[in-house]
Amino acid sequence: MRIAVPHNTTKTKAHQVVDRKAQQLLGQFGDKADDVEHDWRGDTLYFKGKARGMSVGGTLEVTDAAVVIDVKLPLLAKPFESRIRQTVERELESLFKTA
């Protein structure tokens, strides 16, 4: 699943906003997930983890104009792809309204 949302700010500011949100999510939900890993390599955040027996992993790239998420959903999550997509898009859009 690939999602691109314009960030309407500088690349540096978008990177900071994404990093702050990632730390917040780890603090909020980290105890509900296992084997969580995330690592910035340049402008791309590589992430993976497990929750409720399902593994998920992907990348989040900050470009000059947008935040682009590429994630491979587990087979059991495929029926919920449209709902997941809508939620992620809504969260990113609201995150960058205040950026």
C-alpha atoms as a PDB file:
ATOM      1  CA  MET A   1       0.000   0.000   0.000  1.00  0.00           C
ATOM      2  CA  ARG A   2       1.420   3.368  -1.017  1.00  0.00           C
ATOM      3  CA  ILE A   3       0.163   6.658   0.394  1.00  0.00           C
ATOM      4  CA  ALA A   4       1.472  10.120  -0.474  1.00  0.00           C
ATOM      5  CA  VAL A   5       0.331  13.228   1.404  1.00  0.00           C
ATOM      6  CA  PRO A   6       1.658  16.746   0.718  1.00  0.00           C
ATOM      7  CA  HIS A   7       3.356  18.265   3.762  1.00  0.00           C
ATOM      8  CA  ASN A   8       3.235  21.944   2.701  1.00  0.00           C
ATOM      9  CA  THR A   9       6.391  22.786   4.622  1.00  0.00           C
ATOM     10  CA  THR A  10      10.126  22.366   4.329  1.00  0.00           C
ATOM     11  CA  LYS A  11      11.657  18.942   4.114  1.00  0.00           C
ATOM     12  CA  THR A  12      13.500  19.520   7.404  1.00  0.00           C
ATOM     13  CA  LYS A  13      10.336  20.579   9.242  1.00  0.00           C
ATOM     14  CA  ALA A  14       8.387  17.625   7.795  1.00  0.00           C
ATOM     15  CA  HIS A  15      11.148  15.266   8.965  1.00  0.00           C
ATOM     16  CA  GLN A  16      10.890  16.729  12.489  1.00  0.00           C
ATOM     17  CA  VAL A  17       7.094  16.431  12.529  1.00  0.00           C
ATOM     18  CA  VAL A  18       7.238  12.788  11.413  1.00  0.00           C
ATOM     19  CA  ASP A  19       9.937  11.955  13.965  1.00  0.00           C
ATOM     20  CA  ARG A  20       7.978  13.590  16.797  1.00  0.00           C
ATOM     21  CA  LYS A  21       4.815  11.683  15.804  1.00  0.00           C
ATOM     22  CA  ALA A  22       6.725   8.388  15.593  1.00  0.00           C
ATOM     23  CA  GLN A  23       8.066   8.902  19.122  1.00  0.00           C
ATOM     24  CA  GLN A  24       4.570   9.768  20.368  1.00  0.00           C
ATOM     25  CA  LEU A  25       3.070   6.632  18.787  1.00  0.00           C
ATOM     26  CA  LEU A  26       5.801   4.442  20.260  1.00  0.00           C
ATOM     27  CA  GLY A  27       5.117   5.901  23.687  1.00  0.00           C
ATOM     28  CA  GLN A  28       1.386   5.454  23.284  1.00  0.00           C
ATOM     29  CA  PHE A  29       1.257   1.996  21.688  1.00  0.00           C
ATOM     30  CA  GLY A  30       4.725   0.537  22.199  1.00  0.00           C
ATOM     31  CA  ASP A  31       3.515  -1.831  24.908  1.00  0.00           C
ATOM     32  CA  LYS A  32       0.976  -3.331  22.477  1.00  0.00           C
ATOM     33  CA  ALA A  33       3.571  -4.217  19.846  1.00  0.00           C
ATOM     34  CA  ASP A  34       6.577  -6.530  19.727  1.00  0.00           C
ATOM     35  CA  ASP A  35       9.878  -6.374  17.884  1.00  0.00           C
ATOM     36  CA  VAL A  36       9.351  -2.725  16.961  1.00  0.00           C
ATOM     37  CA  GLU A  37      12.231  -1.231  15.037  1.00  0.00           C
ATOM     38  CA  HIS A  38      12.607   2.091  13.288  1.00  0.00           C
ATOM     39  CA  ASP A  39      15.647   3.656  11.734  1.00  0.00           C
ATOM     40  CA  TRP A  40      16.132   6.872   9.773  1.00  0.00           C
ATOM     41  CA  ARG A  41      18.438   6.525   6.777  1.00  0.00           C
ATOM     42  CA  GLY A  42      18.655   9.952   5.259  1.00  0.00           C
ATOM     43  CA  ASP A  43      15.118  11.093   4.506  1.00  0.00           C
ATOM     44  CA  THR A  44      13.598   7.613   4.782  1.00  0.00           C
ATOM     45  CA  LEU A  45      12.285   6.019   7.954  1.00  0.00           C
ATOM     46  CA  TYR A  46      12.406   2.212   7.839  1.00  0.00           C
ATOM     47  CA  PHE A  47      10.022   0.553  10.280  1.00  0.00           C
ATOM     48  CA  LYS A  48       8.715  -2.863  11.265  1.00  0.00           C
ATOM     49  CA  GLY A  49       6.936  -4.535  14.132  1.00  0.00           C
ATOM     50  CA  LYS A  50       4.361  -7.074  15.214  1.00  0.00           C
ATOM     51  CA  ALA A  51       0.971  -6.651  16.845  1.00  0.00           C
ATOM     52  CA  ARG A  52      -1.728  -9.225  17.482  1.00  0.00           C
ATOM     53  CA  GLY A  53       0.359 -11.838  15.708  1.00  0.00           C
ATOM     54  CA  MET A  54       0.667  -9.818  12.495  1.00  0.00           C
ATOM     55  CA  SER A  55       3.916  -8.377  11.172  1.00  0.00           C
ATOM     56  CA  VAL A  56       4.041  -5.077   9.347  1.00  0.00           C
ATOM     57  CA  GLY A  57       6.926  -3.204   7.827  1.00  0.00           C
ATOM     58  CA  GLY A  58       7.663  -0.473   5.368  1.00  0.00           C
ATOM     59  CA  THR A  59       9.150   2.915   4.734  1.00  0.00           C
ATOM     60  CA  LEU A  60       8.156   6.516   5.167  1.00  0.00           C
ATOM     61  CA  GLU A  61      10.024   8.924   2.908  1.00  0.00           C
ATOM     62  CA  VAL A  62      10.053  12.690   3.321  1.00  0.00           C
ATOM     63  CA  THR A  63      10.398  14.282  -0.117  1.00  0.00           C
ATOM     64  CA  ASP A  64      10.559  17.980  -0.967  1.00  0.00           C
ATOM     65  CA  ALA A  65       6.768  18.095  -1.330  1.00  0.00           C
ATOM     66  CA  ALA A  66       5.205  15.072   0.372  1.00  0.00           C
ATOM     67  CA  VAL A  67       5.405  12.290   2.907  1.00  0.00           C
ATOM     68  CA  VAL A  68       5.265   8.938   1.109  1.00  0.00           C
ATOM     69  CA  ILE A  69       4.471   5.752   3.003  1.00  0.00           C
ATOM     70  CA  ASP A  70       5.029   2.322   1.490  1.00  0.00           C
ATOM     71  CA  VAL A  71       3.838  -0.517   3.690  1.00  0.00           C
ATOM     72  CA  LYS A  72       3.268  -4.204   3.099  1.00  0.00           C
ATOM     73  CA  LEU A  73       0.097  -5.197   4.895  1.00  0.00           C
ATOM     74  CA  PRO A  74      -0.219  -8.707   6.273  1.00  0.00           C
ATOM     75  CA  LEU A  75      -2.688 -10.936   4.457  1.00  0.00           C
ATOM     76  CA  LEU A  76      -5.154 -10.792   7.370  1.00  0.00           C
ATOM     77  CA  ALA A  77      -5.212  -6.981   7.176  1.00  0.00           C
ATOM     78  CA  LYS A  78      -5.911  -6.822   3.417  1.00  0.00           C
ATOM     79  CA  PRO A  79      -9.716  -6.699   3.849  1.00  0.00           C
ATOM     80  CA  PHE A  80      -9.216  -3.526   5.911  1.00  0.00           C
ATOM     81  CA  GLU A  81      -6.835  -1.822   3.479  1.00  0.00           C
ATOM     82  CA  SER A  82      -9.242   0.951   2.454  1.00  0.00           C
ATOM     83  CA  ARG A  83     -10.054   1.783   6.078  1.00  0.00           C
ATOM     84  CA  ILE A  84      -6.355   1.727   7.014  1.00  0.00           C
ATOM     85  CA  ARG A  85      -5.543   3.960   4.036  1.00  0.00           C
ATOM     86  CA  GLN A  86      -8.244   6.481   4.983  1.00  0.00           C
ATOM     87  CA  THR A  87      -7.065   6.587   8.600  1.00  0.00           C
ATOM     88  CA  VAL A  88      -3.417   7.090   7.674  1.00  0.00           C
ATOM     89  CA  GLU A  89      -4.264   9.779   5.115  1.00  0.00           C
ATOM     90  CA  ARG A  90      -6.479  11.606   7.619  1.00  0.00           C
ATOM     91  CA  GLU A  91      -3.818  11.444  10.344  1.00  0.00           C
ATOM     92  CA  LEU A  92      -1.075  12.718   8.047  1.00  0.00           C
ATOM     93  CA  GLU A  93      -3.239  15.509   6.674  1.00  0.00           C
ATOM     94  CA  SER A  94      -4.130  16.682  10.175  1.00  0.00           C
ATOM     95  CA  LEU A  95      -0.504  16.388  11.272  1.00  0.00           C
ATOM     96  CA  PHE A  96       0.635  18.736   8.534  1.00  0.00           C
ATOM     97  CA  LYS A  97      -2.195  21.242   8.888  1.00  0.00           C
ATOM     98  CA  THR A  98      -0.368  22.483  11.960  1.00  0.00           C
ATOM     99  CA  ALA A  99       3.188  21.952  10.668  1.00  0.00           C
END
